[in-house]
Amino acid sequence: MIKIPLMQTGKGMQDDNDTSHIYKLSWLAYFKPFVIGILVALAGLVVSGMVQQPWLSWVALLAGIVSFIYQIIYVRTTTLYIDDAGIWLHEGVFPWQKGVRGVKWRDLDSALFFTGFISWAFKSYTINIGHRYTKGSEIHVRHVKNGKQFVELVNAEHYRQVGGESPSINVMD
């Protein structure tokens, strides 16, 4: 089911309780942590077999599990959202890592999504939110669930914020 963004109903971004402007990563983002966790555990097992230290295999297994759990939690904390000020990316696990970075509407250059067979098949897109002045302040996120809708929402809201009309885009699903 496709939700109608608030700006298409004429209300703008005023409804703070609306969760349709929050986007998370898709299940494909969990694939990389799974593979890395297995590789760390296997590398540790190979090394422990070479030096003939059985306790190293337990350390390697523990390192693989901890790595996997950390990366899963990190993927779960990654959230994109839109408000009246701009587009924001919230991420981080530990208190010293948590943070929000974003692009204000006035500084937005463009919002893009990148397609491919996997992206199309699983509706998990790589998105890029461009900053008009500083390329280092851009937001680039892979595996955004319904990322195409997110980019359409950002572009429509950007047009509304700068005083223009929302563009007429006919996209085939």
N, C-alpha and C. Protein backbone atom coordinates (compact mmCIF):
# COMPACT_ATOMS: atom_id res chain seq x y z
N MET A 1 0.84 -1.17 0.00
CA MET A 1 0.00 0.00 0.00
C MET A 1 0.89 1.23 0.00
N ILE A 2 0.60 2.19 -0.86
CA ILE A 2 1.39 3.41 -0.97
C ILE A 2 0.70 4.51 -0.19
N LYS A 3 1.47 5.15 0.70
CA LYS A 3 0.93 6.26 1.48
C LYS A 3 1.03 7.53 0.67
N ILE A 4 0.04 8.38 0.78
CA ILE A 4 0.06 9.67 0.09
C ILE A 4 0.80 10.66 0.99
N PRO A 5 1.90 11.24 0.51
CA PRO A 5 2.63 12.20 1.33
C PRO A 5 1.76 13.39 1.68
N LEU A 6 2.05 14.01 2.82
CA LEU A 6 1.24 15.12 3.31
C LEU A 6 1.21 16.29 2.34
N MET A 7 2.33 16.55 1.65
CA MET A 7 2.33 17.73 0.80
C MET A 7 1.38 17.58 -0.39
N GLN A 8 1.02 16.36 -0.75
CA GLN A 8 0.07 16.19 -1.83
C GLN A 8 -1.37 16.45 -1.37
N THR A 9 -1.60 16.42 -0.07
CA THR A 9 -2.93 16.70 0.44
C THR A 9 -3.08 18.18 0.77
N GLY A 10 -2.00 18.95 0.58
CA GLY A 10 -2.07 20.38 0.83
C GLY A 10 -1.76 20.76 2.26
N LYS A 11 -1.42 19.81 3.12
CA LYS A 11 -1.16 20.12 4.51
C LYS A 11 0.30 20.49 4.76
N GLY A 12 1.19 20.12 3.85
CA GLY A 12 2.61 20.38 4.07
C GLY A 12 3.18 19.43 5.10
N MET A 13 4.23 19.87 5.77
CA MET A 13 4.93 19.01 6.73
C MET A 13 4.51 19.32 8.16
N GLN A 14 3.31 19.84 8.40
CA GLN A 14 2.94 20.31 9.72
C GLN A 14 2.57 19.20 10.69
N ASP A 15 2.19 18.06 10.24
CA ASP A 15 1.76 16.99 11.14
C ASP A 15 2.97 16.26 11.69
N ASP A 16 3.37 16.57 12.95
CA ASP A 16 4.57 16.00 13.55
C ASP A 16 4.38 14.55 13.95
N ASN A 17 3.15 14.08 14.08
CA ASN A 17 2.90 12.71 14.50
C ASN A 17 2.90 11.73 13.33
N ASP A 18 3.06 12.23 12.13
CA ASP A 18 3.03 11.40 10.94
C ASP A 18 4.34 10.64 10.80
N THR A 19 4.28 9.31 10.67
CA THR A 19 5.48 8.50 10.53
C THR A 19 5.77 8.15 9.08
N SER A 20 5.02 8.69 8.12
CA SER A 20 5.25 8.36 6.72
C SER A 20 6.51 9.04 6.19
N HIS A 21 7.11 9.93 6.96
CA HIS A 21 8.32 10.63 6.52
C HIS A 21 9.56 10.03 7.16
N ILE A 22 9.45 8.84 7.75
CA ILE A 22 10.59 8.15 8.35
C ILE A 22 10.87 6.90 7.52
N TYR A 23 12.12 6.78 7.10
CA TYR A 23 12.52 5.65 6.26
C TYR A 23 13.70 4.93 6.90
N LYS A 24 13.65 3.61 6.87
CA LYS A 24 14.71 2.76 7.43
C LYS A 24 15.35 1.97 6.30
N LEU A 25 16.38 1.22 6.65
CA LEU A 25 17.06 0.40 5.66
C LEU A 25 16.30 -0.90 5.45
N SER A 26 16.42 -1.46 4.26
CA SER A 26 15.72 -2.70 3.94
C SER A 26 16.49 -3.90 4.48
N TRP A 27 15.91 -5.06 4.31
CA TRP A 27 16.52 -6.29 4.81
C TRP A 27 17.82 -6.59 4.08
N LEU A 28 18.03 -6.05 2.89
CA LEU A 28 19.27 -6.29 2.16
C LEU A 28 20.48 -5.69 2.88
N ALA A 29 20.25 -4.68 3.70
CA ALA A 29 21.34 -4.07 4.46
C ALA A 29 21.89 -5.02 5.51
N TYR A 30 21.14 -6.04 5.88
CA TYR A 30 21.59 -7.01 6.87
C TYR A 30 22.49 -8.09 6.27
N PHE A 31 22.53 -8.18 4.97
CA PHE A 31 23.32 -9.21 4.30
C PHE A 31 24.81 -9.01 4.52
N LYS A 32 25.29 -7.78 4.39
CA LYS A 32 26.72 -7.50 4.57
C LYS A 32 27.19 -7.82 5.99
N PRO A 33 26.48 -7.40 7.06
CA PRO A 33 26.92 -7.78 8.40
C PRO A 33 26.98 -9.29 8.61
N PHE A 34 26.05 -10.01 8.01
CA PHE A 34 26.04 -11.46 8.13
C PHE A 34 27.30 -12.06 7.50
N VAL A 35 27.64 -11.61 6.31
CA VAL A 35 28.81 -12.13 5.61
C VAL A 35 30.09 -11.75 6.36
N ILE A 36 30.18 -10.51 6.84
CA ILE A 36 31.38 -10.07 7.57
C ILE A 36 31.54 -10.87 8.87
N GLY A 37 30.45 -11.10 9.58
CA GLY A 37 30.52 -11.89 10.80
C GLY A 37 31.03 -13.29 10.54
N ILE A 38 30.55 -13.92 9.47
CA ILE A 38 31.02 -15.27 9.12
C ILE A 38 32.49 -15.24 8.72
N LEU A 39 32.91 -14.24 7.93
CA LEU A 39 34.31 -14.16 7.52
C LEU A 39 35.26 -13.93 8.69
N VAL A 40 34.86 -13.10 9.64
CA VAL A 40 35.69 -12.88 10.83
C VAL A 40 35.83 -14.17 11.63
N ALA A 41 34.74 -14.88 11.81
CA ALA A 41 34.78 -16.14 12.55
C ALA A 41 35.64 -17.18 11.82
N LEU A 42 35.48 -17.29 10.49
CA LEU A 42 36.26 -18.27 9.73
C LEU A 42 37.75 -17.91 9.71
N ALA A 43 38.07 -16.63 9.57
CA ALA A 43 39.48 -16.21 9.58
C ALA A 43 40.11 -16.55 10.91
N GLY A 44 39.39 -16.32 11.98
CA GLY A 44 39.90 -16.66 13.30
C GLY A 44 40.10 -18.15 13.47
N LEU A 45 39.18 -18.94 12.94
CA LEU A 45 39.33 -20.39 13.03
C LEU A 45 40.53 -20.89 12.23
N VAL A 46 40.75 -20.32 11.07
CA VAL A 46 41.91 -20.71 10.25
C VAL A 46 43.20 -20.36 10.96
N VAL A 47 43.26 -19.14 11.52
CA VAL A 47 44.47 -18.72 12.24
C VAL A 47 44.69 -19.60 13.47
N SER A 48 43.65 -19.91 14.20
CA SER A 48 43.80 -20.75 15.39
C SER A 48 44.25 -22.16 15.02
N GLY A 49 43.84 -22.65 13.87
CA GLY A 49 44.29 -23.97 13.42
C GLY A 49 45.74 -23.95 13.00
N MET A 50 46.22 -22.84 12.47
CA MET A 50 47.62 -22.73 12.05
C MET A 50 48.57 -22.70 13.25
N VAL A 51 48.17 -22.00 14.29
CA VAL A 51 49.06 -21.88 15.46
C VAL A 51 48.74 -22.93 16.51
N GLN A 52 47.78 -23.76 16.26
CA GLN A 52 47.38 -24.85 17.13
C GLN A 52 47.09 -24.39 18.56
N GLN A 53 46.28 -23.36 18.63
CA GLN A 53 45.82 -22.84 19.92
C GLN A 53 44.29 -22.93 19.92
N PRO A 54 43.70 -23.94 20.57
CA PRO A 54 42.25 -24.13 20.52
C PRO A 54 41.47 -22.97 21.14
N TRP A 55 42.02 -22.28 22.09
CA TRP A 55 41.30 -21.17 22.71
C TRP A 55 41.09 -20.02 21.73
N LEU A 56 41.97 -19.92 20.70
CA LEU A 56 41.80 -18.87 19.70
C LEU A 56 40.54 -19.07 18.87
N SER A 57 40.12 -20.33 18.69
CA SER A 57 38.89 -20.57 17.92
C SER A 57 37.68 -20.00 18.66
N TRP A 58 37.68 -20.10 19.99
CA TRP A 58 36.59 -19.52 20.77
C TRP A 58 36.63 -17.99 20.71
N VAL A 59 37.81 -17.41 20.74
CA VAL A 59 37.95 -15.95 20.62
C VAL A 59 37.47 -15.50 19.24
N ALA A 60 37.82 -16.26 18.22
CA ALA A 60 37.39 -15.91 16.86
C ALA A 60 35.88 -16.00 16.72
N LEU A 61 35.30 -17.04 17.28
CA LEU A 61 33.85 -17.19 17.23
C LEU A 61 33.17 -16.05 17.97
N LEU A 62 33.68 -15.71 19.13
CA LEU A 62 33.13 -14.60 19.90
C LEU A 62 33.27 -13.28 19.15
N ALA A 63 34.42 -13.06 18.51
CA ALA A 63 34.63 -11.82 17.73
C ALA A 63 33.64 -11.74 16.56
N GLY A 64 33.42 -12.88 15.91
CA GLY A 64 32.46 -12.91 14.81
C GLY A 64 31.05 -12.59 15.27
N ILE A 65 30.65 -13.15 16.41
CA ILE A 65 29.31 -12.92 16.94
C ILE A 65 29.14 -11.46 17.37
N VAL A 66 30.15 -10.93 18.09
CA VAL A 66 30.07 -9.53 18.53
C VAL A 66 30.04 -8.59 17.33
N SER A 67 30.85 -8.87 16.31
CA SER A 67 30.86 -8.05 15.10
C SER A 67 29.49 -8.08 14.42
N PHE A 68 28.91 -9.26 14.32
CA PHE A 68 27.60 -9.41 13.69
C PHE A 68 26.53 -8.64 14.46
N ILE A 69 26.50 -8.79 15.78
CA ILE A 69 25.49 -8.10 16.60
C ILE A 69 25.64 -6.59 16.50
N TYR A 70 26.88 -6.10 16.57
CA TYR A 70 27.12 -4.66 16.47
C TYR A 70 26.62 -4.11 15.14
N GLN A 71 26.96 -4.78 14.05
CA GLN A 71 26.57 -4.28 12.74
C GLN A 71 25.06 -4.35 12.52
N ILE A 72 24.40 -5.36 13.07
CA ILE A 72 22.94 -5.45 12.98
C ILE A 72 22.30 -4.29 13.73
N ILE A 73 22.79 -4.01 14.93
CA ILE A 73 22.24 -2.88 15.70
C ILE A 73 22.49 -1.58 14.97
N TYR A 74 23.66 -1.43 14.34
CA TYR A 74 23.97 -0.21 13.60
C TYR A 74 23.01 -0.02 12.43
N VAL A 75 22.74 -1.10 11.71
CA VAL A 75 21.79 -1.01 10.58
C VAL A 75 20.40 -0.62 11.10
N ARG A 76 20.00 -1.19 12.22
CA ARG A 76 18.67 -0.88 12.77
C ARG A 76 18.55 0.57 13.23
N THR A 77 19.66 1.19 13.64
CA THR A 77 19.58 2.58 14.12
C THR A 77 19.62 3.60 12.99
N THR A 78 19.95 3.19 11.80
CA THR A 78 20.03 4.12 10.67
C THR A 78 18.63 4.49 10.21
N THR A 79 18.32 5.79 10.31
CA THR A 79 16.99 6.28 9.97
C THR A 79 17.10 7.58 9.17
N LEU A 80 16.36 7.66 8.11
CA LEU A 80 16.24 8.90 7.34
C LEU A 80 14.89 9.51 7.65
N TYR A 81 14.86 10.81 7.85
CA TYR A 81 13.57 11.46 8.06
C TYR A 81 13.58 12.88 7.52
N ILE A 82 12.38 13.38 7.33
CA ILE A 82 12.16 14.70 6.75
C ILE A 82 11.34 15.51 7.74
N ASP A 83 11.72 16.78 7.91
CA ASP A 83 10.90 17.69 8.69
C ASP A 83 10.90 19.06 7.99
N ASP A 84 10.37 20.06 8.68
CA ASP A 84 10.28 21.38 8.06
C ASP A 84 11.63 22.01 7.76
N ALA A 85 12.68 21.58 8.46
CA ALA A 85 14.01 22.17 8.28
C ALA A 85 14.80 21.50 7.15
N GLY A 86 14.59 20.21 6.93
CA GLY A 86 15.36 19.53 5.89
C GLY A 86 15.27 18.02 5.95
N ILE A 87 16.31 17.38 5.41
CA ILE A 87 16.40 15.93 5.35
C ILE A 87 17.51 15.52 6.30
N TRP A 88 17.27 14.50 7.13
CA TRP A 88 18.20 14.15 8.19
C TRP A 88 18.47 12.66 8.22
N LEU A 89 19.71 12.31 8.55
CA LEU A 89 20.13 10.92 8.72
C LEU A 89 20.58 10.76 10.16
N HIS A 90 19.91 9.86 10.89
CA HIS A 90 20.26 9.56 12.27
C HIS A 90 20.88 8.18 12.30
N GLU A 91 22.07 8.07 12.90
CA GLU A 91 22.73 6.77 12.98
C GLU A 91 23.67 6.74 14.17
N GLY A 92 24.05 5.53 14.58
CA GLY A 92 24.98 5.35 15.68
C GLY A 92 24.45 4.38 16.71
N VAL A 93 25.37 3.65 17.35
CA VAL A 93 25.00 2.67 18.37
C VAL A 93 25.33 3.19 19.76
N PHE A 94 26.58 3.56 19.95
CA PHE A 94 27.04 4.02 21.26
C PHE A 94 26.80 5.52 21.40
N PRO A 95 26.71 6.02 22.62
CA PRO A 95 26.44 7.45 22.82
C PRO A 95 27.44 8.37 22.11
N TRP A 96 28.70 7.97 22.02
CA TRP A 96 29.70 8.80 21.37
C TRP A 96 29.64 8.68 19.85
N GLN A 97 28.85 7.74 19.33
CA GLN A 97 28.68 7.58 17.89
C GLN A 97 27.39 8.20 17.38
N LYS A 98 26.39 8.26 18.24
CA LYS A 98 25.08 8.71 17.80
C LYS A 98 25.14 10.14 17.30
N GLY A 99 24.44 10.37 16.23
CA GLY A 99 24.42 11.72 15.69
C GLY A 99 23.43 11.85 14.56
N VAL A 100 23.19 13.09 14.22
CA VAL A 100 22.30 13.42 13.13
C VAL A 100 23.04 14.37 12.21
N ARG A 101 22.98 14.07 10.93
CA ARG A 101 23.52 14.99 9.94
C ARG A 101 22.49 15.12 8.85
N GLY A 102 22.53 16.23 8.16
CA GLY A 102 21.51 16.43 7.16
C GLY A 102 21.78 17.58 6.23
N VAL A 103 20.78 17.83 5.41
CA VAL A 103 20.82 18.92 4.44
C VAL A 103 19.55 19.74 4.62
N LYS A 104 19.72 21.03 4.84
CA LYS A 104 18.56 21.92 4.97
C LYS A 104 17.94 22.13 3.59
N TRP A 105 16.65 22.45 3.60
CA TRP A 105 15.94 22.64 2.33
C TRP A 105 16.60 23.71 1.48
N ARG A 106 17.05 24.78 2.11
CA ARG A 106 17.64 25.89 1.34
C ARG A 106 18.96 25.50 0.71
N ASP A 107 19.64 24.46 1.25
CA ASP A 107 20.94 24.03 0.74
C ASP A 107 20.85 22.78 -0.14
N LEU A 108 19.66 22.27 -0.34
CA LEU A 108 19.49 21.04 -1.12
C LEU A 108 19.76 21.30 -2.59
N ASP A 109 20.60 20.46 -3.15
CA ASP A 109 20.88 20.53 -4.59
C ASP A 109 19.95 19.58 -5.34
N SER A 110 20.00 18.32 -4.98
CA SER A 110 19.15 17.33 -5.64
C SER A 110 19.04 16.08 -4.78
N ALA A 111 17.99 15.34 -5.02
CA ALA A 111 17.81 14.03 -4.39
C ALA A 111 17.71 13.01 -5.52
N LEU A 112 18.56 12.01 -5.44
CA LEU A 112 18.63 11.01 -6.50
C LEU A 112 18.55 9.61 -5.92
N PHE A 113 18.06 8.68 -6.72
CA PHE A 113 18.15 7.27 -6.35
C PHE A 113 18.75 6.53 -7.52
N PHE A 114 19.45 5.46 -7.23
CA PHE A 114 20.15 4.70 -8.25
C PHE A 114 19.47 3.34 -8.40
N THR A 115 19.27 2.96 -9.65
CA THR A 115 18.52 1.73 -9.92
C THR A 115 19.44 0.61 -10.37
N GLY A 116 18.90 -0.54 -10.36
CA GLY A 116 19.54 -1.76 -10.82
C GLY A 116 18.52 -2.87 -10.63
N PHE A 117 18.87 -4.05 -11.06
CA PHE A 117 17.91 -5.14 -10.96
C PHE A 117 17.57 -5.45 -9.50
N ILE A 118 18.60 -5.54 -8.65
CA ILE A 118 18.37 -5.84 -7.23
C ILE A 118 17.54 -4.74 -6.59
N SER A 119 17.88 -3.48 -6.89
CA SER A 119 17.12 -2.34 -6.34
C SER A 119 15.66 -2.42 -6.75
N TRP A 120 15.43 -2.68 -8.02
CA TRP A 120 14.07 -2.73 -8.53
C TRP A 120 13.31 -3.92 -7.94
N ALA A 121 13.95 -5.07 -7.88
CA ALA A 121 13.28 -6.29 -7.43
C ALA A 121 12.90 -6.22 -5.95
N PHE A 122 13.75 -5.61 -5.13
CA PHE A 122 13.51 -5.60 -3.69
C PHE A 122 13.11 -4.23 -3.16
N LYS A 123 12.94 -3.24 -4.06
CA LYS A 123 12.58 -1.87 -3.67
C LYS A 123 13.51 -1.34 -2.58
N SER A 124 14.79 -1.59 -2.79
CA SER A 124 15.83 -1.19 -1.86
C SER A 124 16.86 -0.38 -2.65
N TYR A 125 16.79 0.94 -2.54
CA TYR A 125 17.57 1.81 -3.42
C TYR A 125 18.71 2.50 -2.69
N THR A 126 19.76 2.81 -3.44
CA THR A 126 20.81 3.69 -2.96
C THR A 126 20.36 5.11 -3.26
N ILE A 127 20.42 5.97 -2.24
CA ILE A 127 19.98 7.34 -2.44
C ILE A 127 21.13 8.30 -2.17
N ASN A 128 21.06 9.44 -2.82
CA ASN A 128 22.05 10.49 -2.62
C ASN A 128 21.29 11.82 -2.50
N ILE A 129 21.48 12.48 -1.37
CA ILE A 129 20.89 13.80 -1.13
C ILE A 129 22.03 14.80 -1.28
N GLY A 130 22.02 15.55 -2.36
CA GLY A 130 23.12 16.46 -2.67
C GLY A 130 23.01 17.78 -1.93
N HIS A 131 24.17 18.29 -1.53
CA HIS A 131 24.26 19.60 -0.89
C HIS A 131 24.73 20.59 -1.96
N ARG A 132 24.09 21.73 -2.01
CA ARG A 132 24.36 22.71 -3.05
C ARG A 132 25.79 23.25 -2.99
N TYR A 133 26.33 23.46 -1.81
CA TYR A 133 27.61 24.13 -1.67
C TYR A 133 28.76 23.21 -1.27
N THR A 134 28.50 22.20 -0.46
CA THR A 134 29.56 21.37 0.09
C THR A 134 29.30 19.91 -0.24
N LYS A 135 30.12 19.33 -1.08
CA LYS A 135 29.93 17.92 -1.46
C LYS A 135 30.19 16.99 -0.28
N GLY A 136 30.98 17.43 0.71
CA GLY A 136 31.25 16.62 1.88
C GLY A 136 30.06 16.50 2.81
N SER A 137 29.05 17.35 2.64
CA SER A 137 27.86 17.33 3.49
C SER A 137 26.72 16.55 2.87
N GLU A 138 26.97 15.87 1.78
CA GLU A 138 25.92 15.09 1.14
C GLU A 138 25.58 13.85 1.96
N ILE A 139 24.38 13.36 1.77
CA ILE A 139 23.94 12.12 2.42
C ILE A 139 23.89 11.05 1.34
N HIS A 140 24.62 9.97 1.56
CA HIS A 140 24.65 8.86 0.63
C HIS A 140 24.38 7.58 1.43
N VAL A 141 23.27 6.92 1.16
CA VAL A 141 22.88 5.74 1.94
C VAL A 141 22.47 4.64 0.98
N ARG A 142 22.96 3.44 1.25
CA ARG A 142 22.59 2.27 0.44
C ARG A 142 21.47 1.50 1.11
N HIS A 143 20.69 0.80 0.31
CA HIS A 143 19.65 -0.12 0.77
C HIS A 143 18.54 0.57 1.56
N VAL A 144 18.07 1.70 1.10
CA VAL A 144 16.94 2.38 1.75
C VAL A 144 15.65 1.73 1.28
N LYS A 145 14.87 1.25 2.24
CA LYS A 145 13.60 0.63 1.91
C LYS A 145 12.68 1.70 1.31
N ASN A 146 12.12 1.41 0.15
CA ASN A 146 11.27 2.35 -0.59
C ASN A 146 12.00 3.67 -0.82
N GLY A 147 13.27 3.58 -1.16
CA GLY A 147 14.10 4.76 -1.40
C GLY A 147 13.61 5.62 -2.54
N LYS A 148 12.97 5.00 -3.52
CA LYS A 148 12.43 5.76 -4.65
C LYS A 148 11.32 6.69 -4.17
N GLN A 149 10.45 6.19 -3.31
CA GLN A 149 9.40 7.03 -2.74
C GLN A 149 10.00 8.15 -1.90
N PHE A 150 11.06 7.84 -1.15
CA PHE A 150 11.72 8.84 -0.32
C PHE A 150 12.25 9.98 -1.19
N VAL A 151 12.90 9.65 -2.29
CA VAL A 151 13.45 10.68 -3.18
C VAL A 151 12.33 11.49 -3.82
N GLU A 152 11.25 10.84 -4.23
CA GLU A 152 10.11 11.57 -4.79
C GLU A 152 9.52 12.53 -3.75
N LEU A 153 9.42 12.08 -2.51
CA LEU A 153 8.92 12.91 -1.43
C LEU A 153 9.84 14.11 -1.18
N VAL A 154 11.15 13.87 -1.15
CA VAL A 154 12.11 14.95 -0.93
C VAL A 154 12.04 15.98 -2.05
N ASN A 155 12.01 15.52 -3.29
CA ASN A 155 11.97 16.47 -4.41
C ASN A 155 10.67 17.27 -4.43
N ALA A 156 9.55 16.61 -4.15
CA ALA A 156 8.27 17.33 -4.13
C ALA A 156 8.25 18.36 -3.00
N GLU A 157 8.74 17.98 -1.82
CA GLU A 157 8.77 18.92 -0.70
C GLU A 157 9.75 20.05 -0.95
N HIS A 158 10.85 19.76 -1.63
CA HIS A 158 11.82 20.81 -1.96
C HIS A 158 11.18 21.85 -2.88
N TYR A 159 10.46 21.39 -3.88
CA TYR A 159 9.75 22.33 -4.77
C TYR A 159 8.75 23.17 -3.99
N ARG A 160 8.05 22.53 -3.05
CA ARG A 160 7.09 23.27 -2.24
C ARG A 160 7.79 24.29 -1.34
N GLN A 161 8.92 23.90 -0.76
CA GLN A 161 9.65 24.78 0.15
C GLN A 161 10.21 26.01 -0.57
N VAL A 162 10.65 25.86 -1.80
CA VAL A 162 11.22 26.99 -2.53
C VAL A 162 10.15 27.81 -3.24
N GLY A 163 8.90 27.47 -3.03
CA GLY A 163 7.82 28.29 -3.55
C GLY A 163 7.25 27.85 -4.88
N GLY A 164 7.70 26.74 -5.40
CA GLY A 164 7.19 26.27 -6.67
C GLY A 164 6.11 25.23 -6.48
N GLU A 165 5.59 24.76 -7.56
CA GLU A 165 4.61 23.69 -7.53
C GLU A 165 5.33 22.36 -7.58
N SER A 166 4.71 21.34 -7.05
CA SER A 166 5.27 20.01 -7.10
C SER A 166 5.30 19.54 -8.55
N PRO A 167 6.43 18.98 -8.99
CA PRO A 167 6.52 18.56 -10.39
C PRO A 167 5.61 17.39 -10.67
N SER A 168 5.15 17.31 -11.89
CA SER A 168 4.33 16.20 -12.31
C SER A 168 5.24 15.09 -12.81
N ILE A 169 5.34 14.01 -12.03
CA ILE A 169 6.22 12.91 -12.40
C ILE A 169 5.35 11.67 -12.56
N ASN A 170 5.41 11.09 -13.74
CA ASN A 170 4.70 9.84 -13.98
C ASN A 170 5.72 8.74 -14.00
N VAL A 171 5.78 7.97 -12.92
CA VAL A 171 6.74 6.88 -12.79
C VAL A 171 5.98 5.57 -12.87
N MET A 172 6.46 4.69 -13.70
CA MET A 172 5.81 3.38 -13.81
C MET A 172 6.36 2.48 -12.72
N ASP A 173 5.50 1.79 -12.00
CA ASP A 173 5.93 0.88 -10.92
C ASP A 173 6.03 -0.53 -11.43
